[in-house]
Amino acid sequence: MNGIQNHSEQHADESTQVLTFGIADQSYCIELEYVTEIIDSGDMTTIPDTPAHVEGVMDLRGQTTTIVNPLVLLEGESLNPEDIVTDGGEETHRIMMLDEKLVDSDGALGWLVSSVSAVDKIPIETLEAERLANSPMFRGVVKQDDDGFLIWLDPEELTV
């Protein structure tokens, strides 16, 4: 069972580890168990006639890896170049590789993100399971100490 799927069955003192990351100016998180590694983006090859959220494919240690832009699925827009983190004057972005067994993909899958922040331990009871826009892509929101919110995503709903 994945972290919060049966929220009513969870004990109030349970917590789960999440990976926090940014896409454009919004903070998101997913359960850490879904992430296999974080890599710097490399050369991607665009594939004609693919859905808008598929940025392309890249070779990762000999395996063809599909790179998805979750922002297109979330908001219907692409990651703008000005939203990409700059590192010493060079534009950079990261790719979060997802466990293909947990997200039921047909092969290696990565999400294109602006930044990766940290691994945090979040108490399950802090999840406010409001259905954002009535979409299964969102598990809910988590209020942060700085009065901001993390949007908790369901990676099984954001696949190719």
N, C-alpha and C. Protein backbone atom coordinates (compact mmCIF):
# COMPACT_ATOMS: atom_id res chain seq x y z
N MET A 1 0.85 -1.18 0.00
CA MET A 1 0.00 0.00 0.00
C MET A 1 0.89 1.23 0.00
N ASN A 2 0.60 2.18 -0.84
CA ASN A 2 1.36 3.42 -0.90
C ASN A 2 0.84 4.39 0.13
N GLY A 3 1.75 5.03 0.84
CA GLY A 3 1.54 6.01 1.89
C GLY A 3 0.15 6.43 2.28
N ILE A 4 -0.57 7.18 1.47
CA ILE A 4 -1.81 7.79 1.93
C ILE A 4 -3.04 7.27 1.23
N GLN A 5 -2.93 6.21 0.47
CA GLN A 5 -4.08 5.77 -0.29
C GLN A 5 -5.28 5.46 0.60
N ASN A 6 -5.09 4.87 1.74
CA ASN A 6 -6.17 4.60 2.66
C ASN A 6 -5.99 5.48 3.88
N HIS A 7 -6.21 6.77 3.70
CA HIS A 7 -5.97 7.76 4.74
C HIS A 7 -6.72 7.43 6.02
N SER A 8 -7.94 6.93 5.92
CA SER A 8 -8.72 6.64 7.12
C SER A 8 -8.13 5.50 7.92
N GLU A 9 -7.34 4.64 7.29
CA GLU A 9 -6.73 3.53 7.99
C GLU A 9 -5.39 3.89 8.62
N GLN A 10 -4.86 5.07 8.31
CA GLN A 10 -3.57 5.48 8.81
C GLN A 10 -3.68 5.95 10.26
N HIS A 11 -2.66 5.69 11.04
CA HIS A 11 -2.62 6.20 12.40
C HIS A 11 -2.15 7.64 12.38
N ALA A 12 -2.61 8.42 13.34
CA ALA A 12 -2.32 9.85 13.38
C ALA A 12 -0.83 10.14 13.49
N ASP A 13 -0.05 9.23 14.04
CA ASP A 13 1.37 9.50 14.22
C ASP A 13 2.23 8.98 13.07
N GLU A 14 1.64 8.46 12.02
CA GLU A 14 2.41 7.95 10.89
C GLU A 14 2.88 9.10 10.01
N SER A 15 4.03 8.89 9.40
CA SER A 15 4.54 9.88 8.47
C SER A 15 5.14 9.14 7.28
N THR A 16 5.42 9.89 6.25
CA THR A 16 6.03 9.33 5.06
C THR A 16 7.07 10.31 4.54
N GLN A 17 8.04 9.78 3.82
CA GLN A 17 9.05 10.64 3.23
C GLN A 17 8.61 11.05 1.84
N VAL A 18 8.76 12.34 1.57
CA VAL A 18 8.41 12.86 0.25
C VAL A 18 9.62 13.61 -0.31
N LEU A 19 9.67 13.67 -1.62
CA LEU A 19 10.67 14.48 -2.31
C LEU A 19 9.97 15.75 -2.73
N THR A 20 10.50 16.90 -2.31
CA THR A 20 9.92 18.17 -2.71
C THR A 20 10.70 18.70 -3.91
N PHE A 21 9.96 19.30 -4.83
CA PHE A 21 10.58 19.81 -6.05
C PHE A 21 9.76 20.98 -6.56
N GLY A 22 10.34 21.72 -7.46
CA GLY A 22 9.67 22.87 -8.03
C GLY A 22 9.46 22.71 -9.51
N ILE A 23 8.33 23.20 -9.95
CA ILE A 23 8.08 23.34 -11.38
C ILE A 23 7.59 24.77 -11.54
N ALA A 24 8.35 25.54 -12.30
CA ALA A 24 8.11 26.99 -12.40
C ALA A 24 8.20 27.55 -10.98
N ASP A 25 7.19 28.26 -10.49
CA ASP A 25 7.30 28.87 -9.17
C ASP A 25 6.46 28.15 -8.11
N GLN A 26 5.99 26.94 -8.40
CA GLN A 26 5.16 26.19 -7.46
C GLN A 26 5.96 25.01 -6.88
N SER A 27 5.73 24.73 -5.59
CA SER A 27 6.36 23.59 -4.93
C SER A 27 5.42 22.40 -4.93
N TYR A 28 5.98 21.24 -5.23
CA TYR A 28 5.23 20.00 -5.28
C TYR A 28 5.97 18.94 -4.47
N CYS A 29 5.30 17.83 -4.22
CA CYS A 29 5.98 16.69 -3.61
C CYS A 29 5.33 15.40 -4.09
N ILE A 30 6.12 14.33 -4.05
CA ILE A 30 5.62 12.98 -4.26
C ILE A 30 6.32 12.09 -3.24
N GLU A 31 5.71 10.96 -2.96
CA GLU A 31 6.33 10.04 -2.02
C GLU A 31 7.68 9.59 -2.57
N LEU A 32 8.67 9.55 -1.70
CA LEU A 32 10.04 9.23 -2.08
C LEU A 32 10.15 7.86 -2.74
N GLU A 33 9.32 6.92 -2.34
CA GLU A 33 9.42 5.57 -2.89
C GLU A 33 9.23 5.52 -4.40
N TYR A 34 8.60 6.54 -4.99
CA TYR A 34 8.40 6.57 -6.43
C TYR A 34 9.65 6.99 -7.21
N VAL A 35 10.60 7.64 -6.54
CA VAL A 35 11.76 8.22 -7.21
C VAL A 35 12.95 7.29 -7.10
N THR A 36 13.55 6.95 -8.24
CA THR A 36 14.73 6.09 -8.22
C THR A 36 16.02 6.88 -8.24
N GLU A 37 16.01 8.04 -8.91
CA GLU A 37 17.20 8.89 -8.94
C GLU A 37 16.86 10.25 -9.53
N ILE A 38 17.76 11.20 -9.30
CA ILE A 38 17.65 12.55 -9.86
C ILE A 38 18.86 12.73 -10.76
N ILE A 39 18.63 13.17 -11.98
CA ILE A 39 19.75 13.37 -12.90
C ILE A 39 19.65 14.77 -13.51
N ASP A 40 20.79 15.27 -13.97
CA ASP A 40 20.79 16.50 -14.75
C ASP A 40 20.24 16.15 -16.12
N SER A 41 19.53 17.09 -16.70
CA SER A 41 18.97 16.80 -18.01
C SER A 41 20.10 16.70 -19.02
N GLY A 42 19.86 15.93 -20.02
CA GLY A 42 20.84 15.75 -21.09
C GLY A 42 20.17 16.06 -22.41
N ASP A 43 20.78 15.59 -23.45
CA ASP A 43 20.21 15.80 -24.78
C ASP A 43 18.98 14.93 -24.96
N MET A 44 17.88 15.59 -25.28
CA MET A 44 16.63 14.88 -25.53
C MET A 44 16.33 14.92 -27.01
N THR A 45 15.75 13.85 -27.48
CA THR A 45 15.30 13.78 -28.86
C THR A 45 13.78 13.88 -28.86
N THR A 46 13.26 14.86 -29.57
CA THR A 46 11.81 14.99 -29.66
C THR A 46 11.28 13.95 -30.64
N ILE A 47 10.11 13.45 -30.33
CA ILE A 47 9.49 12.43 -31.18
C ILE A 47 8.23 13.05 -31.78
N PRO A 48 8.12 13.05 -33.11
CA PRO A 48 6.93 13.64 -33.75
C PRO A 48 5.65 12.89 -33.35
N ASP A 49 4.54 13.62 -33.35
CA ASP A 49 3.22 13.05 -33.11
C ASP A 49 3.07 12.37 -31.76
N THR A 50 3.74 12.91 -30.73
CA THR A 50 3.54 12.41 -29.37
C THR A 50 2.68 13.41 -28.62
N PRO A 51 2.08 13.00 -27.53
CA PRO A 51 1.29 13.96 -26.75
C PRO A 51 2.13 15.14 -26.30
N ALA A 52 1.48 16.28 -26.05
CA ALA A 52 2.18 17.52 -25.71
C ALA A 52 3.02 17.39 -24.44
N HIS A 53 2.62 16.52 -23.51
CA HIS A 53 3.36 16.40 -22.25
C HIS A 53 4.63 15.56 -22.38
N VAL A 54 4.84 14.90 -23.51
CA VAL A 54 6.06 14.13 -23.73
C VAL A 54 7.09 15.05 -24.37
N GLU A 55 8.13 15.39 -23.57
CA GLU A 55 9.18 16.29 -24.06
C GLU A 55 10.08 15.59 -25.08
N GLY A 56 10.26 14.29 -24.90
CA GLY A 56 11.11 13.54 -25.79
C GLY A 56 11.65 12.30 -25.11
N VAL A 57 12.71 11.75 -25.68
CA VAL A 57 13.38 10.59 -25.10
C VAL A 57 14.86 10.89 -24.98
N MET A 58 15.50 10.19 -24.06
CA MET A 58 16.94 10.31 -23.93
C MET A 58 17.52 8.94 -23.57
N ASP A 59 18.80 8.80 -23.80
CA ASP A 59 19.49 7.56 -23.48
C ASP A 59 20.06 7.69 -22.07
N LEU A 60 19.61 6.83 -21.18
CA LEU A 60 20.12 6.81 -19.82
C LEU A 60 20.75 5.45 -19.57
N ARG A 61 22.07 5.43 -19.64
CA ARG A 61 22.84 4.20 -19.44
C ARG A 61 22.35 3.06 -20.34
N GLY A 62 22.11 3.39 -21.61
CA GLY A 62 21.72 2.39 -22.59
C GLY A 62 20.24 2.08 -22.63
N GLN A 63 19.44 2.74 -21.81
CA GLN A 63 18.00 2.52 -21.81
C GLN A 63 17.28 3.75 -22.34
N THR A 64 16.39 3.55 -23.30
CA THR A 64 15.59 4.66 -23.82
C THR A 64 14.62 5.09 -22.74
N THR A 65 14.67 6.37 -22.39
CA THR A 65 13.89 6.92 -21.28
C THR A 65 12.97 8.01 -21.80
N THR A 66 11.67 7.87 -21.51
CA THR A 66 10.69 8.89 -21.89
C THR A 66 10.71 10.00 -20.86
N ILE A 67 10.80 11.25 -21.34
CA ILE A 67 10.82 12.40 -20.46
C ILE A 67 9.49 13.14 -20.60
N VAL A 68 8.79 13.28 -19.47
CA VAL A 68 7.47 13.89 -19.42
C VAL A 68 7.57 15.23 -18.72
N ASN A 69 6.83 16.20 -19.21
CA ASN A 69 6.72 17.50 -18.55
C ASN A 69 5.41 17.50 -17.77
N PRO A 70 5.45 17.27 -16.45
CA PRO A 70 4.20 17.20 -15.68
C PRO A 70 3.41 18.50 -15.67
N LEU A 71 4.08 19.63 -15.91
CA LEU A 71 3.37 20.91 -15.93
C LEU A 71 2.32 20.96 -17.04
N VAL A 72 2.61 20.31 -18.16
CA VAL A 72 1.64 20.28 -19.25
C VAL A 72 0.39 19.53 -18.80
N LEU A 73 0.57 18.43 -18.08
CA LEU A 73 -0.58 17.68 -17.57
C LEU A 73 -1.32 18.45 -16.47
N LEU A 74 -0.55 19.16 -15.64
CA LEU A 74 -1.15 19.88 -14.52
C LEU A 74 -1.85 21.16 -14.95
N GLU A 75 -1.22 21.91 -15.83
CA GLU A 75 -1.73 23.23 -16.17
C GLU A 75 -1.92 23.46 -17.66
N GLY A 76 -1.55 22.47 -18.45
CA GLY A 76 -1.70 22.63 -19.88
C GLY A 76 -0.68 23.55 -20.52
N GLU A 77 0.45 23.75 -19.85
CA GLU A 77 1.47 24.63 -20.42
C GLU A 77 2.85 24.03 -20.23
N SER A 78 3.79 24.48 -21.01
CA SER A 78 5.15 23.96 -20.96
C SER A 78 5.99 24.72 -19.93
N LEU A 79 7.10 24.14 -19.57
CA LEU A 79 8.06 24.76 -18.67
C LEU A 79 8.77 25.86 -19.46
N ASN A 80 8.56 27.10 -19.06
CA ASN A 80 9.14 28.24 -19.76
C ASN A 80 10.63 28.33 -19.46
N PRO A 81 11.44 28.76 -20.45
CA PRO A 81 12.88 28.88 -20.21
C PRO A 81 13.23 29.79 -19.04
N GLU A 82 12.45 30.86 -18.80
CA GLU A 82 12.76 31.76 -17.69
C GLU A 82 12.46 31.13 -16.34
N ASP A 83 11.71 30.02 -16.32
CA ASP A 83 11.42 29.32 -15.08
C ASP A 83 12.49 28.29 -14.72
N ILE A 84 13.41 28.07 -15.62
CA ILE A 84 14.45 27.08 -15.39
C ILE A 84 15.53 27.67 -14.50
N VAL A 85 16.00 26.89 -13.56
CA VAL A 85 17.03 27.32 -12.63
C VAL A 85 18.32 27.60 -13.38
N THR A 86 18.99 28.70 -13.04
CA THR A 86 20.28 28.98 -13.66
C THR A 86 21.39 28.62 -12.70
N ASP A 87 22.43 28.03 -13.21
CA ASP A 87 23.55 27.58 -12.41
C ASP A 87 24.82 28.13 -13.05
N GLY A 88 25.32 29.23 -12.51
CA GLY A 88 26.51 29.84 -13.06
C GLY A 88 26.30 30.38 -14.46
N GLY A 89 25.10 30.88 -14.72
CA GLY A 89 24.81 31.44 -16.03
C GLY A 89 24.27 30.44 -17.03
N GLU A 90 24.37 29.14 -16.73
CA GLU A 90 23.85 28.13 -17.63
C GLU A 90 22.47 27.70 -17.17
N GLU A 91 21.56 27.54 -18.12
CA GLU A 91 20.24 27.05 -17.78
C GLU A 91 20.33 25.56 -17.47
N THR A 92 19.71 25.16 -16.38
CA THR A 92 19.70 23.75 -16.02
C THR A 92 18.30 23.37 -15.55
N HIS A 93 17.97 22.14 -15.69
CA HIS A 93 16.79 21.59 -15.07
C HIS A 93 17.11 20.14 -14.75
N ARG A 94 16.27 19.55 -13.95
CA ARG A 94 16.54 18.21 -13.45
C ARG A 94 15.50 17.24 -13.99
N ILE A 95 15.85 15.99 -13.95
CA ILE A 95 14.91 14.94 -14.32
C ILE A 95 14.81 13.99 -13.14
N MET A 96 13.58 13.80 -12.66
CA MET A 96 13.32 12.85 -11.59
C MET A 96 12.91 11.54 -12.25
N MET A 97 13.74 10.53 -12.07
CA MET A 97 13.44 9.21 -12.63
C MET A 97 12.47 8.50 -11.69
N LEU A 98 11.39 7.97 -12.27
CA LEU A 98 10.36 7.30 -11.49
C LEU A 98 10.49 5.79 -11.62
N ASP A 99 10.11 5.10 -10.56
CA ASP A 99 10.16 3.65 -10.54
C ASP A 99 9.07 3.12 -11.48
N GLU A 100 9.49 2.52 -12.59
CA GLU A 100 8.52 2.11 -13.60
C GLU A 100 7.58 1.02 -13.10
N LYS A 101 7.98 0.27 -12.08
CA LYS A 101 7.08 -0.75 -11.52
C LYS A 101 5.95 -0.11 -10.71
N LEU A 102 6.24 1.00 -10.03
CA LEU A 102 5.23 1.64 -9.20
C LEU A 102 4.28 2.53 -10.00
N VAL A 103 4.74 3.10 -11.10
CA VAL A 103 3.88 3.97 -11.89
C VAL A 103 3.30 3.25 -13.10
N ASP A 104 3.56 1.96 -13.21
CA ASP A 104 2.98 1.13 -14.25
C ASP A 104 3.23 1.70 -15.64
N SER A 105 4.48 2.06 -15.91
CA SER A 105 4.81 2.58 -17.23
C SER A 105 5.38 1.45 -18.08
N ASP A 106 5.44 1.71 -19.37
CA ASP A 106 5.95 0.69 -20.30
C ASP A 106 7.47 0.70 -20.40
N GLY A 107 8.14 1.56 -19.65
CA GLY A 107 9.58 1.64 -19.70
C GLY A 107 10.06 2.75 -18.78
N ALA A 108 11.33 3.09 -18.92
CA ALA A 108 11.92 4.12 -18.06
C ALA A 108 11.22 5.45 -18.30
N LEU A 109 10.94 6.15 -17.19
CA LEU A 109 10.16 7.38 -17.25
C LEU A 109 10.76 8.42 -16.32
N GLY A 110 10.90 9.65 -16.81
CA GLY A 110 11.39 10.74 -15.99
C GLY A 110 10.52 11.97 -16.12
N TRP A 111 10.46 12.75 -15.04
CA TRP A 111 9.73 14.03 -15.06
C TRP A 111 10.73 15.16 -15.17
N LEU A 112 10.46 16.11 -16.05
CA LEU A 112 11.26 17.31 -16.20
C LEU A 112 10.78 18.33 -15.16
N VAL A 113 11.68 18.76 -14.27
CA VAL A 113 11.31 19.71 -13.22
C VAL A 113 12.32 20.86 -13.20
N SER A 114 11.92 21.97 -12.58
CA SER A 114 12.80 23.13 -12.48
C SER A 114 13.90 22.92 -11.46
N SER A 115 13.52 22.33 -10.31
CA SER A 115 14.49 22.15 -9.23
C SER A 115 14.04 21.00 -8.34
N VAL A 116 14.99 20.44 -7.61
CA VAL A 116 14.70 19.43 -6.61
C VAL A 116 15.20 20.01 -5.29
N SER A 117 14.31 20.05 -4.29
CA SER A 117 14.63 20.75 -3.04
C SER A 117 15.20 19.86 -1.97
N ALA A 118 14.40 18.91 -1.50
CA ALA A 118 14.82 18.13 -0.34
C ALA A 118 13.94 16.90 -0.18
N VAL A 119 14.40 16.03 0.70
CA VAL A 119 13.58 14.91 1.16
C VAL A 119 13.07 15.33 2.53
N ASP A 120 11.76 15.30 2.71
CA ASP A 120 11.14 15.70 3.97
C ASP A 120 10.30 14.57 4.50
N LYS A 121 10.21 14.50 5.81
CA LYS A 121 9.32 13.56 6.47
C LYS A 121 8.07 14.33 6.84
N ILE A 122 6.93 13.92 6.31
CA ILE A 122 5.68 14.64 6.52
C ILE A 122 4.69 13.75 7.23
N PRO A 123 4.14 14.23 8.36
CA PRO A 123 3.08 13.46 9.03
C PRO A 123 1.86 13.33 8.12
N ILE A 124 1.32 12.13 8.02
CA ILE A 124 0.18 11.88 7.15
C ILE A 124 -0.99 12.79 7.48
N GLU A 125 -1.19 13.09 8.77
CA GLU A 125 -2.36 13.89 9.13
C GLU A 125 -2.28 15.34 8.66
N THR A 126 -1.09 15.80 8.18
CA THR A 126 -1.00 17.17 7.67
C THR A 126 -1.52 17.29 6.25
N LEU A 127 -1.78 16.17 5.62
CA LEU A 127 -2.32 16.19 4.27
C LEU A 127 -3.77 16.65 4.32
N GLU A 128 -4.05 17.71 3.63
CA GLU A 128 -5.42 18.16 3.48
C GLU A 128 -5.90 17.62 2.15
N ALA A 129 -6.72 16.60 2.23
CA ALA A 129 -7.08 15.83 1.04
C ALA A 129 -8.21 16.47 0.24
N GLU A 130 -8.17 17.77 0.13
CA GLU A 130 -9.14 18.44 -0.73
C GLU A 130 -8.88 18.00 -2.16
N ARG A 131 -9.90 17.77 -2.88
CA ARG A 131 -9.72 17.41 -4.29
C ARG A 131 -9.55 18.69 -5.07
N LEU A 132 -8.33 18.95 -5.45
CA LEU A 132 -8.03 20.15 -6.21
C LEU A 132 -8.52 19.96 -7.64
N ALA A 133 -9.38 20.82 -8.05
CA ALA A 133 -9.93 20.78 -9.41
C ALA A 133 -10.52 19.41 -9.74
N ASN A 134 -10.96 18.69 -8.70
CA ASN A 134 -11.55 17.36 -8.87
C ASN A 134 -10.71 16.45 -9.75
N SER A 135 -9.41 16.50 -9.59
CA SER A 135 -8.51 15.73 -10.43
C SER A 135 -7.81 14.65 -9.62
N PRO A 136 -7.74 13.44 -10.16
CA PRO A 136 -7.01 12.38 -9.46
C PRO A 136 -5.50 12.59 -9.45
N MET A 137 -4.99 13.58 -10.21
CA MET A 137 -3.56 13.86 -10.23
C MET A 137 -3.07 14.40 -8.89
N PHE A 138 -3.99 15.00 -8.11
CA PHE A 138 -3.63 15.64 -6.86
C PHE A 138 -4.09 14.79 -5.69
N ARG A 139 -3.17 14.49 -4.78
CA ARG A 139 -3.56 13.79 -3.56
C ARG A 139 -4.04 14.78 -2.52
N GLY A 140 -3.59 16.02 -2.61
CA GLY A 140 -3.99 17.05 -1.67
C GLY A 140 -2.90 18.09 -1.52
N VAL A 141 -2.98 18.86 -0.44
CA VAL A 141 -1.98 19.88 -0.16
C VAL A 141 -1.45 19.71 1.25
N VAL A 142 -0.23 20.15 1.45
CA VAL A 142 0.42 20.12 2.77
C VAL A 142 0.84 21.55 3.08
N LYS A 143 0.36 22.09 4.20
CA LYS A 143 0.73 23.44 4.61
C LYS A 143 2.17 23.41 5.13
N GLN A 144 2.97 24.38 4.71
CA GLN A 144 4.36 24.48 5.14
C GLN A 144 4.48 25.56 6.21
N ASP A 145 5.59 25.52 6.95
CA ASP A 145 5.83 26.48 8.02
C ASP A 145 5.88 27.92 7.52
N ASP A 146 6.31 28.13 6.29
CA ASP A 146 6.46 29.49 5.74
C ASP A 146 5.16 30.03 5.13
N ASP A 147 4.03 29.47 5.54
CA ASP A 147 2.71 29.85 5.03
C ASP A 147 2.49 29.47 3.58
N GLY A 148 3.40 28.70 3.02
CA GLY A 148 3.20 28.21 1.66
C GLY A 148 2.56 26.82 1.70
N PHE A 149 2.33 26.28 0.52
CA PHE A 149 1.74 24.96 0.41
C PHE A 149 2.55 24.12 -0.55
N LEU A 150 2.63 22.83 -0.24
CA LEU A 150 3.15 21.83 -1.16
C LEU A 150 1.95 21.16 -1.79
N ILE A 151 1.96 21.01 -3.08
CA ILE A 151 0.91 20.25 -3.73
C ILE A 151 1.42 18.82 -3.87
N TRP A 152 0.69 17.90 -3.27
CA TRP A 152 1.09 16.49 -3.24
C TRP A 152 0.50 15.82 -4.47
N LEU A 153 1.36 15.34 -5.36
CA LEU A 153 0.94 14.75 -6.62
C LEU A 153 0.90 13.22 -6.53
N ASP A 154 0.08 12.66 -7.36
CA ASP A 154 -0.01 11.20 -7.51
C ASP A 154 0.69 10.81 -8.80
N PRO A 155 1.92 10.30 -8.74
CA PRO A 155 2.66 10.00 -9.96
C PRO A 155 2.01 8.91 -10.80
N GLU A 156 1.18 8.08 -10.20
CA GLU A 156 0.50 7.04 -10.99
C GLU A 156 -0.52 7.65 -11.93
N GLU A 157 -0.98 8.85 -11.64
CA GLU A 157 -1.95 9.54 -12.50
C GLU A 157 -1.27 10.46 -13.51
N LEU A 158 0.03 10.68 -13.37
CA LEU A 158 0.76 11.59 -14.25
C LEU A 158 1.78 10.82 -15.08
N THR A 159 1.37 9.76 -15.72
CA THR A 159 2.28 8.98 -16.53
C THR A 159 1.90 9.11 -17.99
N VAL A 160 2.70 8.52 -18.84
CA VAL A 160 2.51 8.64 -20.29
C VAL A 160 1.23 7.95 -20.72
